[in-house]
Amino acid sequence: MNHIFLKNSFIELNAREKAAAVLDPDTFREILGPFDRIESPHLALQGIVPQSDDGVVIARGFINGDSAVVIAIEGEFQGGGIGEVSGAKIAAALEQALKDNEEGIRTRPVLLLETGGVRLQEGNYGLLAIAEIQAAIVSLRSYVPVVCVVSGMIGCFGGMSITSALCTTLIMTRQGRLELNGPEVIEQEAGILEFDSRDRQLIWSTVGGEQRFETGFADTLVSDDVTQIYEAVRDACQQDVALEARSSQVERFLSRLAVIDPSTPVDGPLLRTLWGRDQEQDVSLTEEWMKKLEEVWLQTETNDIKSRGRKWFEALTGVTKSEKVGAPSVLCTDASLGGECVRYISVVPNPENRFPRARHGEVGLDEGWTIARYVRDAIQADQDGKRRTIVAIVDVPSQAYGYREELLGIHLACAAAADAYASARLAGHPVIALIVGNAISGAFLAHGLQANRILALDDPDVVVQVMSKNSAARVTRRCIEELEEAAKKIPATAYDIRSFASLGSLHELLVNVSADEPAQSDIDIVKSKLKNTISEARTSKRDLSSRLASDDAQKGRAASIAVRARMAEQWNS
């Protein structure tokens, strides 16, 4: 393939043409293409016709003469949704690129994202795949810039918006959109007054490419032009690898939030005056602004609601409030376990939360950045000594659904938390997730899914999934009964923890433990399991490969394993 296209529009190209368009001319070679016929085994069971490449194109070639891999999602197939096979293709390609770079072969990764996020018909398959994609990106960034392009009308939503925020450089067109929660989902969860999904002007002024560029969420704004995107990708690939990813700039973005008063209206034009590119120096971290924010946090602190996340934080640490300075909805303290220091972090409800859409235990703006702050504080403190364990106590009903959240970049706040956990894991900190309640959607990607090991209580109210049933029904245009019927055939679409465990990514299911009213014997069991798991994590690989090594994974994620094997076979052939 070469660069002779009948159209100058990049958006109008299909995924295969887009991948060829950003590579050096005549260097395109597809891996796991349509003729390999590796398609989703889960769609036909639901009456959906699968596609032979599952909507993802993996292309090897060169960029500026350097080895490269371009990953392009076809938005026209299932809205660019990430299922088991498509997600495994992306993760496997990035993992192979990482292996190349580790072996001294500079291979540059480029992601062309047109995606609605997780394919809801495959539920937790997509959620797990996105976590593995994100883990690979964080690892790759220390070797080469990871470049992302969001150009078309599909946009970049859901967990993949978090993924885009982890990349070194983000390129957007004005037509592109970048948003964690789609307008329809926000309308379903919060009402039309919160976000009118029919108001196109409102949507683009909130999450469109130009708005994202002007407020610092994207690095480069280009026209819908093949040549401009070709050149922008090349410039981005040549950047210094030491460039700090946006998702790791915790103090910078906390200072930005410090100037926001959630009690007053804010819209796209106003945000440009506060966070515009010309205002970057005016919103740098200052003691004055941070003191004001910390005063607000102190004034909104409450411990009235005894969620499972709070109960287990108190049970495992013996303290009732956070001992660190941050959003009061994020509890954090260090406690001794088996003779070593463990940092416990839990997100809890706060009826006085300054952002109203995050008052029921959701991961919101303050929560994501506060988690990142606490984790990175541990990384910094331990860099010359023994790396403490970090335990994420997981009871999160979702990320916060709201207009203000999308405008102010909740996708980036979640990315900051995921980035911090992944960075801690790679630095040698055992990171353990303990699921005691809900583990839903972007909140779980931010708080838990980057852990070395995942433990969960065996309880009917411990659930893992991508979205609430009502929202999933609306997005997929199916009724609740149809969703429940699909879950009988495809465990990844079920909500219960045992179905999630069958996918093989759970290290251990803790039985005979009271989730709501833990007695001392229950606490002792969990502490014992944590100690054993920490010991195993310290002597194991620092990546997420253990999730595909269990007996359950051999069956529950057979397609994910098969894709990786085929990717390795074809990578250099």
Protein backbone atom coordinates (compact mmCIF):
# COMPACT_ATOMS: atom_id res chain seq x y z
CA MET A 1 0.00 0.00 0.00
CA ASN A 2 1.17 3.57 -0.56
CA HIS A 3 0.07 7.13 0.08
CA ILE A 4 -1.86 7.67 -3.15
CA PHE A 5 -5.36 8.30 -1.79
CA LEU A 6 -8.33 9.64 -3.68
CA LYS A 7 -9.32 11.65 -0.62
CA ASN A 8 -7.33 14.19 1.36
CA SER A 9 -9.65 13.58 4.32
CA PHE A 10 -8.09 11.31 6.94
CA ILE A 11 -11.45 10.82 8.64
CA GLU A 12 -13.02 9.34 5.52
CA LEU A 13 -10.38 6.62 5.25
CA ASN A 14 -11.09 3.21 6.73
CA ALA A 15 -8.87 1.85 9.50
CA ARG A 16 -6.59 -0.05 7.10
CA GLU A 17 -6.08 3.05 4.94
CA LYS A 18 -5.43 5.21 8.01
CA ALA A 19 -2.74 2.84 9.24
CA ALA A 20 -1.04 2.90 5.82
CA ALA A 21 -1.34 6.68 5.68
CA VAL A 22 0.82 7.31 8.75
CA LEU A 23 3.55 4.79 7.85
CA ASP A 24 6.41 5.47 5.49
CA PRO A 25 5.21 4.83 1.90
CA ASP A 26 5.03 1.20 0.79
CA THR A 27 6.01 -0.25 4.19
CA PHE A 28 2.55 -1.40 5.35
CA ARG A 29 2.35 -5.05 6.44
CA GLU A 30 -0.74 -6.26 8.28
CA ILE A 31 -0.59 -8.74 11.16
CA LEU A 32 -3.58 -10.89 12.08
CA GLY A 33 -5.58 -9.54 9.17
CA PRO A 34 -8.97 -10.66 7.87
CA PHE A 35 -7.60 -13.77 6.17
CA ASP A 36 -6.40 -15.07 9.52
CA ARG A 37 -10.09 -15.15 10.49
CA ILE A 38 -9.50 -14.46 14.17
CA GLU A 39 -12.90 -13.11 15.12
CA SER A 40 -14.87 -12.73 18.32
CA PRO A 41 -16.32 -16.02 19.53
CA HIS A 42 -18.91 -14.16 21.59
CA LEU A 43 -20.90 -12.07 19.10
CA ALA A 44 -22.61 -14.82 17.09
CA LEU A 45 -24.02 -16.21 20.35
CA GLN A 46 -25.91 -12.92 20.65
CA GLY A 47 -27.12 -12.77 17.05
CA ILE A 48 -24.40 -10.34 15.94
CA VAL A 49 -22.38 -11.01 12.79
CA PRO A 50 -18.66 -10.97 13.68
CA GLN A 51 -15.94 -9.40 11.55
CA SER A 52 -12.83 -11.32 10.53
CA ASP A 53 -10.39 -8.78 11.97
CA ASP A 54 -12.74 -7.87 14.86
CA GLY A 55 -12.52 -4.22 13.89
CA VAL A 56 -8.82 -3.69 14.65
CA VAL A 57 -5.97 -3.34 12.14
CA ILE A 58 -2.40 -4.03 13.29
CA ALA A 59 0.18 -2.77 10.81
CA ARG A 60 3.97 -3.17 10.90
CA GLY A 61 6.09 -0.77 8.91
CA PHE A 62 8.39 2.20 9.35
CA ILE A 63 8.07 5.81 10.51
CA ASN A 64 10.98 8.05 9.59
CA GLY A 65 12.84 4.85 8.78
CA ASP A 66 12.36 3.41 12.28
CA SER A 67 10.45 0.21 13.03
CA ALA A 68 6.85 1.00 13.95
CA VAL A 69 3.52 -0.57 14.75
CA VAL A 70 0.30 1.26 13.97
CA ILE A 71 -2.91 0.17 15.69
CA ALA A 72 -6.09 1.41 14.02
CA ILE A 73 -9.63 0.82 15.26
CA GLU A 74 -12.45 0.62 12.71
CA GLY A 75 -15.21 2.77 14.18
CA GLU A 76 -17.73 1.44 11.68
CA PHE A 77 -17.71 -2.02 13.30
CA GLN A 78 -19.60 -2.14 16.59
CA GLY A 79 -18.79 1.52 17.19
CA GLY A 80 -15.11 0.69 17.54
CA GLY A 81 -15.91 -1.25 20.71
CA ILE A 82 -13.21 -3.23 22.49
CA GLY A 83 -14.01 -6.91 22.92
CA GLU A 84 -11.83 -9.87 23.79
CA VAL A 85 -10.19 -10.37 20.39
CA SER A 86 -9.89 -6.71 19.36
CA GLY A 87 -8.56 -5.80 22.80
CA ALA A 88 -6.11 -8.71 22.78
CA LYS A 89 -4.83 -7.65 19.36
CA ILE A 90 -4.08 -4.14 20.64
CA ALA A 91 -2.52 -5.35 23.90
CA ALA A 92 -0.47 -8.04 22.16
CA ALA A 93 0.89 -5.59 19.58
CA LEU A 94 1.95 -3.17 22.30
CA GLU A 95 3.49 -6.01 24.31
CA GLN A 96 5.50 -7.11 21.27
CA ALA A 97 6.64 -3.51 20.72
CA LEU A 98 7.69 -3.40 24.36
CA LYS A 99 9.67 -6.62 23.95
CA ASP A 100 11.40 -5.14 20.90
CA ASN A 101 12.40 -2.03 22.82
CA GLU A 102 13.59 -4.06 25.80
CA GLU A 103 15.85 -5.96 23.40
CA GLY A 104 17.25 -2.75 21.91
CA ILE A 105 15.06 -2.69 18.78
CA ARG A 106 13.44 0.74 18.73
CA THR A 107 9.84 0.15 17.68
CA ARG A 108 7.51 3.13 17.70
CA PRO A 109 3.82 2.61 18.64
CA VAL A 110 1.02 4.73 17.18
CA LEU A 111 -2.66 4.34 18.11
CA LEU A 112 -5.44 5.59 15.84
CA LEU A 113 -8.47 5.52 18.10
CA GLU A 114 -12.09 5.64 16.91
CA THR A 115 -13.88 3.88 19.71
CA GLY A 116 -16.82 3.95 22.04
CA GLY A 117 -14.84 2.05 24.68
CA VAL A 118 -15.67 -1.43 25.91
CA ARG A 119 -17.95 -3.46 23.64
CA LEU A 120 -20.83 -3.99 26.04
CA GLN A 121 -21.76 -7.32 24.44
CA GLU A 122 -18.42 -8.62 25.76
CA GLY A 123 -18.31 -6.71 29.04
CA ASN A 124 -15.42 -7.71 31.27
CA TYR A 125 -13.39 -9.10 28.37
CA GLY A 126 -13.05 -5.53 27.15
CA LEU A 127 -12.43 -4.15 30.62
CA LEU A 128 -9.55 -6.56 31.24
CA ALA A 129 -8.09 -5.96 27.78
CA ILE A 130 -8.11 -2.19 28.26
CA ALA A 131 -6.25 -2.56 31.57
CA GLU A 132 -3.62 -4.65 29.78
CA ILE A 133 -3.38 -2.08 26.96
CA GLN A 134 -2.85 0.65 29.53
CA ALA A 135 -0.20 -1.37 31.37
CA ALA A 136 1.74 -1.83 28.13
CA ILE A 137 1.58 1.89 27.31
CA VAL A 138 2.97 2.91 30.70
CA SER A 139 5.83 0.40 30.25
CA LEU A 140 6.55 1.54 26.69
CA ARG A 141 6.78 5.23 27.55
CA SER A 142 10.19 4.77 29.18
CA TYR A 143 11.61 3.61 25.82
CA VAL A 144 9.76 5.51 23.10
CA PRO A 145 7.02 8.11 22.79
CA VAL A 146 3.57 6.54 22.54
CA VAL A 147 1.53 8.53 20.03
CA CYS A 148 -2.26 8.65 19.85
CA VAL A 149 -4.51 10.18 17.19
CA VAL A 150 -8.23 10.87 17.73
CA SER A 151 -9.56 12.19 14.48
CA GLY A 152 -13.02 11.02 13.46
CA MET A 153 -16.68 11.40 14.23
CA ILE A 154 -16.83 8.29 16.43
CA GLY A 155 -14.45 9.94 18.87
CA CYS A 156 -12.73 8.25 21.79
CA PHE A 157 -14.88 7.24 24.75
CA GLY A 158 -15.01 5.03 27.80
CA GLY A 159 -11.94 3.20 29.01
CA MET A 160 -10.13 4.04 25.79
CA SER A 161 -10.36 7.75 26.61
CA ILE A 162 -8.37 6.89 29.74
CA THR A 163 -5.96 4.99 27.48
CA SER A 164 -5.47 8.02 25.23
CA ALA A 165 -4.60 10.14 28.24
CA LEU A 166 -1.75 7.77 29.14
CA CYS A 167 0.00 8.34 25.83
CA THR A 168 3.00 10.64 25.50
CA THR A 169 1.40 12.74 22.76
CA LEU A 170 -2.25 13.17 21.77
CA ILE A 171 -3.12 14.53 18.34
CA MET A 172 -6.72 15.59 17.57
CA THR A 173 -8.77 17.13 14.81
CA ARG A 174 -11.63 19.56 15.46
CA GLN A 175 -14.04 16.81 14.48
CA GLY A 176 -12.69 14.42 17.12
CA ARG A 177 -14.20 14.01 20.59
CA LEU A 178 -12.59 12.83 23.80
CA GLU A 179 -14.85 11.89 26.70
CA LEU A 180 -15.05 9.19 29.36
CA ASN A 181 -18.84 9.01 29.60
CA GLY A 182 -20.89 9.45 26.44
CA PRO A 183 -23.64 12.10 26.51
CA GLU A 184 -26.33 9.41 26.26
CA VAL A 185 -24.93 7.59 29.27
CA ILE A 186 -24.69 10.78 31.32
CA GLU A 187 -28.26 11.62 30.36
CA GLN A 188 -29.35 8.12 31.43
CA GLU A 189 -27.52 8.32 34.77
CA ALA A 190 -27.98 11.98 35.64
CA GLY A 191 -30.83 13.36 33.51
CA ILE A 192 -31.16 15.61 30.48
CA LEU A 193 -30.56 18.75 32.55
CA GLU A 194 -27.09 17.46 33.34
CA PHE A 195 -26.14 16.79 29.72
CA ASP A 196 -28.46 16.97 26.71
CA SER A 197 -27.22 14.29 24.32
CA ARG A 198 -29.01 15.96 21.38
CA ASP A 199 -27.18 19.29 21.74
CA ARG A 200 -24.30 18.84 19.29
CA GLN A 201 -22.90 22.34 19.82
CA LEU A 202 -22.77 21.73 23.57
CA ILE A 203 -21.00 18.40 23.08
CA TRP A 204 -18.23 19.77 20.83
CA SER A 205 -17.72 22.85 23.01
CA THR A 206 -17.23 20.48 25.94
CA VAL A 207 -15.24 17.53 24.57
CA GLY A 208 -14.41 18.39 20.95
CA GLY A 209 -10.86 18.42 19.61
CA GLU A 210 -10.42 22.19 19.56
CA GLN A 211 -11.69 22.53 23.14
CA ARG A 212 -9.43 19.71 24.33
CA PHE A 213 -6.43 21.32 22.63
CA GLU A 214 -7.14 24.82 23.93
CA THR A 215 -7.53 23.59 27.52
CA GLY A 216 -4.44 21.41 27.59
CA PHE A 217 -5.91 17.90 27.22
CA ALA A 218 -4.45 17.40 23.72
CA ASP A 219 -1.01 18.35 22.43
CA THR A 220 -1.56 18.97 18.73
CA LEU A 221 -4.58 20.18 16.76
CA VAL A 222 -4.59 19.35 13.05
CA SER A 223 -6.98 19.68 10.17
CA ASP A 224 -8.70 16.63 8.71
CA ASP A 225 -5.91 16.17 6.21
CA VAL A 226 -3.83 13.06 5.47
CA THR A 227 -0.59 15.01 5.03
CA GLN A 228 -1.01 17.05 8.22
CA ILE A 229 -1.62 13.95 10.31
CA TYR A 230 1.26 12.14 8.59
CA GLU A 231 3.60 14.98 9.58
CA ALA A 232 2.17 15.36 13.08
CA VAL A 233 2.75 11.67 13.81
CA ARG A 234 6.35 11.99 12.65
CA ASP A 235 6.99 15.02 14.81
CA ALA A 236 5.49 13.26 17.83
CA CYS A 237 7.57 10.11 17.28
CA GLN A 238 10.75 12.20 17.39
CA GLN A 239 10.00 13.75 20.79
CA ASP A 240 12.27 13.21 23.75
CA VAL A 241 11.31 10.00 25.53
CA ALA A 242 11.84 11.79 28.85
CA LEU A 243 8.81 13.98 28.12
CA GLU A 244 6.48 13.63 31.10
CA ALA A 245 3.12 12.15 30.21
CA ARG A 246 0.12 14.31 30.99
CA SER A 247 -1.31 11.65 33.29
CA SER A 248 1.72 11.79 35.55
CA GLN A 249 1.63 15.58 36.04
CA VAL A 250 -0.28 15.36 39.30
CA GLU A 251 0.66 18.66 40.92
CA ARG A 252 0.04 20.62 37.73
CA PHE A 253 -3.49 19.32 37.30
CA LEU A 254 -4.38 19.50 40.98
CA SER A 255 -3.47 23.19 40.84
CA ARG A 256 -5.81 23.56 37.86
CA LEU A 257 -8.67 22.03 39.84
CA ALA A 258 -7.85 24.34 42.73
CA VAL A 259 -9.04 27.35 40.71
CA ILE A 260 -12.41 25.73 39.98
CA ASP A 261 -15.38 26.63 42.16
CA PRO A 262 -17.99 23.89 41.59
CA SER A 263 -20.72 26.07 43.13
CA THR A 264 -20.59 28.42 40.13
CA PRO A 265 -21.41 27.54 36.51
CA VAL A 266 -18.55 26.77 34.14
CA ASP A 267 -18.71 26.06 30.42
CA GLY A 268 -16.32 25.56 27.56
CA PRO A 269 -15.57 29.23 26.79
CA LEU A 270 -15.09 30.08 30.46
CA LEU A 271 -12.74 27.14 30.94
CA ARG A 272 -10.54 28.44 28.14
CA THR A 273 -10.05 31.66 30.11
CA LEU A 274 -9.07 29.66 33.20
CA TRP A 275 -7.07 26.83 31.64
CA GLY A 276 -6.32 28.18 28.16
CA ARG A 277 -2.93 27.54 26.62
CA ASP A 278 -1.96 31.18 27.27
CA GLN A 279 -2.86 30.74 30.94
CA GLU A 280 -0.60 27.78 31.70
CA GLN A 281 1.81 29.81 33.82
CA ASP A 282 -1.05 31.45 35.76
CA VAL A 283 -2.38 28.14 37.08
CA SER A 284 0.90 26.59 38.14
CA LEU A 285 0.94 25.06 41.59
CA THR A 286 1.01 27.73 44.31
CA GLU A 287 0.83 27.34 48.06
CA GLU A 288 -2.03 29.85 48.15
CA TRP A 289 -4.28 27.89 45.78
CA MET A 290 -3.48 24.53 47.28
CA LYS A 291 -4.12 25.81 50.79
CA LYS A 292 -7.53 27.02 49.66
CA LEU A 293 -8.30 23.64 48.11
CA GLU A 294 -7.14 21.79 51.22
CA GLU A 295 -9.36 24.05 53.36
CA VAL A 296 -12.34 23.12 51.17
CA TRP A 297 -11.47 19.44 51.52
CA LEU A 298 -11.29 19.77 55.31
CA GLN A 299 -14.63 21.57 55.43
CA THR A 300 -16.35 18.83 53.43
CA GLU A 301 -14.98 15.89 55.39
CA THR A 302 -17.51 13.41 56.80
CA ASN A 303 -17.52 9.80 57.96
CA ASP A 304 -21.26 9.34 58.41
CA ILE A 305 -21.74 6.75 55.66
CA LYS A 306 -20.29 3.35 56.46
CA SER A 307 -19.74 1.93 53.00
CA ARG A 308 -17.96 -1.36 52.56
CA GLY A 309 -14.93 0.54 51.37
CA ARG A 310 -14.83 2.49 54.63
CA LYS A 311 -15.61 -0.53 56.84
CA TRP A 312 -12.77 -2.55 55.38
CA PHE A 313 -10.37 0.38 55.45
CA GLU A 314 -11.07 0.81 59.16
CA ALA A 315 -10.95 -2.95 59.79
CA LEU A 316 -7.57 -3.43 58.10
CA THR A 317 -5.87 -0.25 59.33
CA GLY A 318 -7.47 0.48 62.71
CA VAL A 319 -7.96 4.14 61.77
CA THR A 320 -11.19 5.96 60.92
CA LYS A 321 -9.95 8.84 58.76
CA SER A 322 -7.32 9.53 56.18
CA GLU A 323 -3.92 10.42 57.54
CA LYS A 324 -2.89 12.10 54.29
CA VAL A 325 -3.93 15.44 52.81
CA GLY A 326 -6.27 15.06 49.87
CA ALA A 327 -9.91 14.76 48.88
CA PRO A 328 -11.75 13.42 51.98
CA SER A 329 -13.49 10.82 49.81
CA VAL A 330 -10.14 9.05 49.41
CA LEU A 331 -8.93 7.43 52.61
CA CYS A 332 -5.21 6.74 52.87
CA THR A 333 -2.94 5.58 55.64
CA ASP A 334 0.12 3.42 56.24
CA ALA A 335 -0.17 0.44 58.57
CA SER A 336 1.99 -2.54 59.48
CA LEU A 337 1.17 -5.99 58.10
CA GLY A 338 3.47 -8.93 58.69
CA GLY A 339 6.27 -6.62 59.75
CA GLU A 340 6.20 -4.41 56.67
CA CYS A 341 4.62 -1.10 55.75
CA VAL A 342 1.44 -1.19 53.68
CA ARG A 343 -0.33 1.84 52.22
CA TYR A 344 -4.10 1.34 52.12
CA ILE A 345 -6.26 3.48 49.79
CA SER A 346 -10.06 3.41 49.62
CA VAL A 347 -12.63 5.60 47.86
CA VAL A 348 -15.70 6.24 50.03
CA PRO A 349 -18.97 8.20 49.79
CA ASN A 350 -18.91 11.82 50.93
CA PRO A 351 -22.31 13.61 50.93
CA GLU A 352 -20.45 16.94 51.21
CA ASN A 353 -18.19 16.34 48.20
CA ARG A 354 -17.56 19.65 46.45
CA PHE A 355 -18.44 17.94 43.15
CA PRO A 356 -22.07 16.76 43.56
CA ARG A 357 -21.82 14.00 40.96
CA ALA A 358 -19.20 12.20 43.10
CA ARG A 359 -21.01 11.99 46.43
CA HIS A 360 -21.81 8.27 46.49
CA GLY A 361 -18.38 6.73 46.29
CA GLU A 362 -17.73 7.39 42.60
CA VAL A 363 -14.24 8.13 41.32
CA GLY A 364 -14.47 11.75 40.29
CA LEU A 365 -12.01 14.53 39.49
CA ASP A 366 -10.65 15.08 42.99
CA GLU A 367 -10.65 11.35 43.66
CA GLY A 368 -8.58 10.36 40.62
CA TRP A 369 -5.92 12.99 41.19
CA THR A 370 -5.83 12.34 44.94
CA ILE A 371 -5.27 8.61 44.40
CA ALA A 372 -2.44 9.48 42.02
CA ARG A 373 -0.96 11.85 44.60
CA TYR A 374 -1.00 9.23 47.36
CA VAL A 375 0.52 6.51 45.19
CA ARG A 376 3.23 8.72 43.74
CA ASP A 377 4.07 9.98 47.21
CA ALA A 378 4.85 6.36 48.17
CA ILE A 379 6.94 5.86 45.02
CA GLN A 380 8.96 8.99 45.78
CA ALA A 381 9.43 8.18 49.46
CA ASP A 382 10.58 4.61 48.80
CA GLN A 383 12.81 5.11 45.78
CA ASP A 384 15.98 4.50 47.81
CA GLY A 385 14.62 1.79 50.08
CA LYS A 386 12.19 -1.11 50.30
CA ARG A 387 9.08 -0.50 48.23
CA ARG A 388 6.01 -0.62 50.43
CA THR A 389 2.93 -2.55 49.37
CA ILE A 390 -0.06 -0.57 48.15
CA VAL A 391 -3.50 -2.07 48.77
CA ALA A 392 -6.42 -0.62 46.81
CA ILE A 393 -9.64 -1.41 48.69
CA VAL A 394 -12.22 -1.44 45.90
CA ASP A 395 -15.83 -0.43 46.40
CA VAL A 396 -16.58 1.99 43.57
CA PRO A 397 -20.04 2.15 41.94
CA SER A 398 -18.66 3.93 38.86
CA GLN A 399 -16.83 7.01 37.75
CA ALA A 400 -18.72 10.26 38.27
CA TYR A 401 -21.27 11.00 35.52
CA GLY A 402 -21.60 14.72 34.91
CA TYR A 403 -21.16 17.62 32.50
CA ARG A 404 -18.64 19.35 34.73
CA GLU A 405 -16.66 16.13 35.07
CA GLU A 406 -16.31 15.72 31.31
CA LEU A 407 -15.45 19.38 30.76
CA LEU A 408 -12.71 19.24 33.41
CA GLY A 409 -11.26 15.96 32.18
CA ILE A 410 -12.40 13.07 34.33
CA HIS A 411 -10.83 10.74 31.75
CA LEU A 412 -7.46 12.25 32.65
CA ALA A 413 -8.12 12.07 36.40
CA CYS A 414 -8.82 8.33 36.04
CA ALA A 415 -5.74 7.97 33.84
CA ALA A 416 -3.63 9.66 36.52
CA ALA A 417 -4.70 7.08 39.08
CA ALA A 418 -4.16 4.14 36.71
CA ASP A 419 -0.78 5.57 35.69
CA ALA A 420 0.30 5.90 39.31
CA TYR A 421 -0.66 2.33 40.22
CA ALA A 422 1.06 0.95 37.10
CA SER A 423 4.17 3.03 37.78
CA ALA A 424 4.27 1.79 41.37
CA ARG A 425 3.98 -1.82 40.21
CA LEU A 426 6.80 -1.35 37.69
CA ALA A 427 8.95 0.31 40.37
CA GLY A 428 8.70 -2.80 42.55
CA HIS A 429 5.80 -1.94 44.83
CA PRO A 430 3.44 -4.90 45.24
CA VAL A 431 0.04 -3.48 44.29
CA ILE A 432 -2.90 -5.52 45.52
CA ALA A 433 -6.58 -4.85 44.78
CA LEU A 434 -9.09 -6.11 47.33
CA ILE A 435 -12.63 -6.00 45.94
CA VAL A 436 -15.14 -5.74 48.79
CA GLY A 437 -18.11 -4.21 46.91
CA ASN A 438 -18.64 -2.66 43.48
CA ALA A 439 -15.90 -2.57 40.87
CA ILE A 440 -17.51 -0.80 37.95
CA SER A 441 -16.25 0.70 34.72
CA GLY A 442 -13.65 3.49 34.57
CA ALA A 443 -13.60 3.62 38.35
CA PHE A 444 -12.19 0.08 38.47
CA LEU A 445 -9.72 0.87 35.67
CA ALA A 446 -8.52 3.80 37.79
CA HIS A 447 -8.60 2.05 41.17
CA GLY A 448 -7.71 -1.62 41.09
CA LEU A 449 -7.15 -3.03 37.60
CA GLN A 450 -3.45 -2.11 37.47
CA ALA A 451 -2.73 -4.30 40.50
CA ASN A 452 -0.24 -7.19 40.46
CA ARG A 453 -2.90 -9.34 42.10
CA ILE A 454 -6.66 -9.03 42.58
CA LEU A 455 -8.45 -10.55 45.58
CA ALA A 456 -12.22 -10.42 46.08
CA LEU A 457 -14.75 -11.35 48.72
CA ASP A 458 -17.17 -14.09 47.67
CA ASP A 459 -20.40 -12.20 48.22
CA PRO A 460 -23.52 -11.59 46.09
CA ASP A 461 -23.05 -7.82 46.30
CA VAL A 462 -19.47 -7.93 45.05
CA VAL A 463 -19.82 -7.14 41.35
CA VAL A 464 -17.55 -6.32 38.43
CA GLN A 465 -18.82 -4.86 35.16
CA VAL A 466 -18.53 -2.08 32.63
CA MET A 467 -21.74 -0.17 33.21
CA SER A 468 -25.00 -0.22 35.13
CA LYS A 469 -27.66 -2.49 33.62
CA ASN A 470 -29.96 0.40 32.77
CA SER A 471 -27.26 2.27 30.87
CA ALA A 472 -26.00 -0.90 29.17
CA ALA A 473 -29.55 -1.66 28.02
CA ARG A 474 -29.95 1.81 26.55
CA VAL A 475 -26.60 1.81 24.75
CA THR A 476 -27.04 -1.70 23.30
CA ARG A 477 -30.78 -1.15 22.66
CA ARG A 478 -31.68 -4.28 24.59
CA CYS A 479 -33.91 -4.82 27.59
CA ILE A 480 -32.64 -5.92 31.01
CA GLU A 481 -34.00 -9.42 30.44
CA GLU A 482 -31.98 -9.76 27.22
CA LEU A 483 -28.83 -8.68 29.05
CA GLU A 484 -29.41 -11.25 31.75
CA GLU A 485 -30.04 -13.95 29.16
CA ALA A 486 -26.77 -13.09 27.40
CA ALA A 487 -24.93 -13.38 30.71
CA LYS A 488 -25.93 -17.05 30.90
CA LYS A 489 -23.97 -17.70 27.68
CA ILE A 490 -21.11 -15.25 28.19
CA PRO A 491 -19.80 -14.96 31.76
CA ALA A 492 -17.96 -11.74 30.89
CA THR A 493 -21.30 -9.93 30.57
CA ALA A 494 -22.52 -11.07 34.00
CA TYR A 495 -22.18 -8.88 37.07
CA ASP A 496 -21.42 -11.40 39.83
CA ILE A 497 -17.91 -11.98 41.15
CA ARG A 498 -17.91 -15.72 40.44
CA SER A 499 -18.47 -15.05 36.74
CA PHE A 500 -15.58 -12.60 36.81
CA ALA A 501 -13.45 -15.18 38.61
CA SER A 502 -14.10 -17.66 35.79
CA LEU A 503 -12.13 -15.38 33.44
CA GLY A 504 -8.96 -16.18 35.37
CA SER A 505 -7.86 -12.68 36.33
CA LEU A 506 -8.79 -13.03 39.99
CA HIS A 507 -5.90 -14.25 42.11
CA GLU A 508 -8.18 -15.62 44.80
CA LEU A 509 -11.83 -15.55 45.81
CA LEU A 510 -12.06 -15.20 49.60
CA VAL A 511 -14.89 -17.40 50.90
CA ASN A 512 -16.63 -17.47 54.27
CA VAL A 513 -15.85 -13.83 55.00
CA SER A 514 -18.58 -11.42 56.08
CA ALA A 515 -18.47 -8.48 53.68
CA ASP A 516 -20.79 -6.15 55.59
CA GLU A 517 -20.03 -6.89 59.23
CA PRO A 518 -16.52 -8.33 59.41
CA ALA A 519 -15.68 -9.96 62.74
CA GLN A 520 -12.09 -10.18 63.95
CA SER A 521 -11.85 -13.67 62.48
CA ASP A 522 -12.89 -12.30 59.06
CA ILE A 523 -10.31 -9.54 59.32
CA ASP A 524 -7.62 -12.05 60.27
CA ILE A 525 -8.45 -14.20 57.25
CA VAL A 526 -8.16 -11.26 54.88
CA LYS A 527 -4.92 -10.04 56.46
CA SER A 528 -3.45 -13.53 56.15
CA LYS A 529 -4.44 -13.70 52.48
CA LEU A 530 -2.97 -10.25 51.87
CA LYS A 531 0.35 -11.24 53.46
CA ASN A 532 0.59 -14.36 51.29
CA THR A 533 -0.34 -12.44 48.16
CA ILE A 534 2.18 -9.68 48.87
CA SER A 535 4.92 -12.28 49.28
CA GLU A 536 4.01 -13.87 45.93
CA ALA A 537 3.87 -10.50 44.19
CA ARG A 538 7.34 -9.55 45.37
CA THR A 539 8.87 -12.58 43.66
CA SER A 540 6.78 -12.48 40.47
CA LYS A 541 6.92 -10.52 37.23
CA ARG A 542 5.94 -6.87 37.50
CA ASP A 543 3.61 -6.97 34.48
CA LEU A 544 0.03 -8.30 34.27
CA SER A 545 0.90 -11.57 32.51
CA SER A 546 -0.17 -13.65 35.52
CA ARG A 547 -3.80 -12.92 34.60
CA LEU A 548 -3.48 -15.17 31.56
CA ALA A 549 -1.52 -17.93 33.31
CA SER A 550 -4.19 -19.43 35.56
CA ASP A 551 -6.19 -22.55 34.79
CA ASP A 552 -9.38 -20.46 34.65
CA ALA A 553 -7.79 -18.11 32.10
CA GLN A 554 -6.86 -21.02 29.83
CA LYS A 555 -10.58 -21.56 29.33
CA GLY A 556 -12.16 -18.23 30.22
CA ARG A 557 -9.80 -16.13 28.07
CA ALA A 558 -8.71 -18.68 25.50
CA ALA A 559 -9.11 -16.19 22.65
CA SER A 560 -6.87 -13.65 24.41
CA ILE A 561 -4.16 -16.28 24.75
CA ALA A 562 -4.53 -17.47 21.16
CA VAL A 563 -4.27 -13.93 19.78
CA ARG A 564 -1.01 -13.34 21.63
CA ALA A 565 0.45 -16.58 20.33
CA ARG A 566 -0.46 -15.72 16.73
CA MET A 567 0.82 -12.16 17.17
CA ALA A 568 4.21 -13.45 18.31
CA GLU A 569 4.38 -15.83 15.34
CA GLN A 570 3.67 -13.11 12.77
CA TRP A 571 5.48 -10.16 14.37
CA ASN A 572 8.77 -10.57 12.52
CA SER A 573 7.69 -12.90 9.72
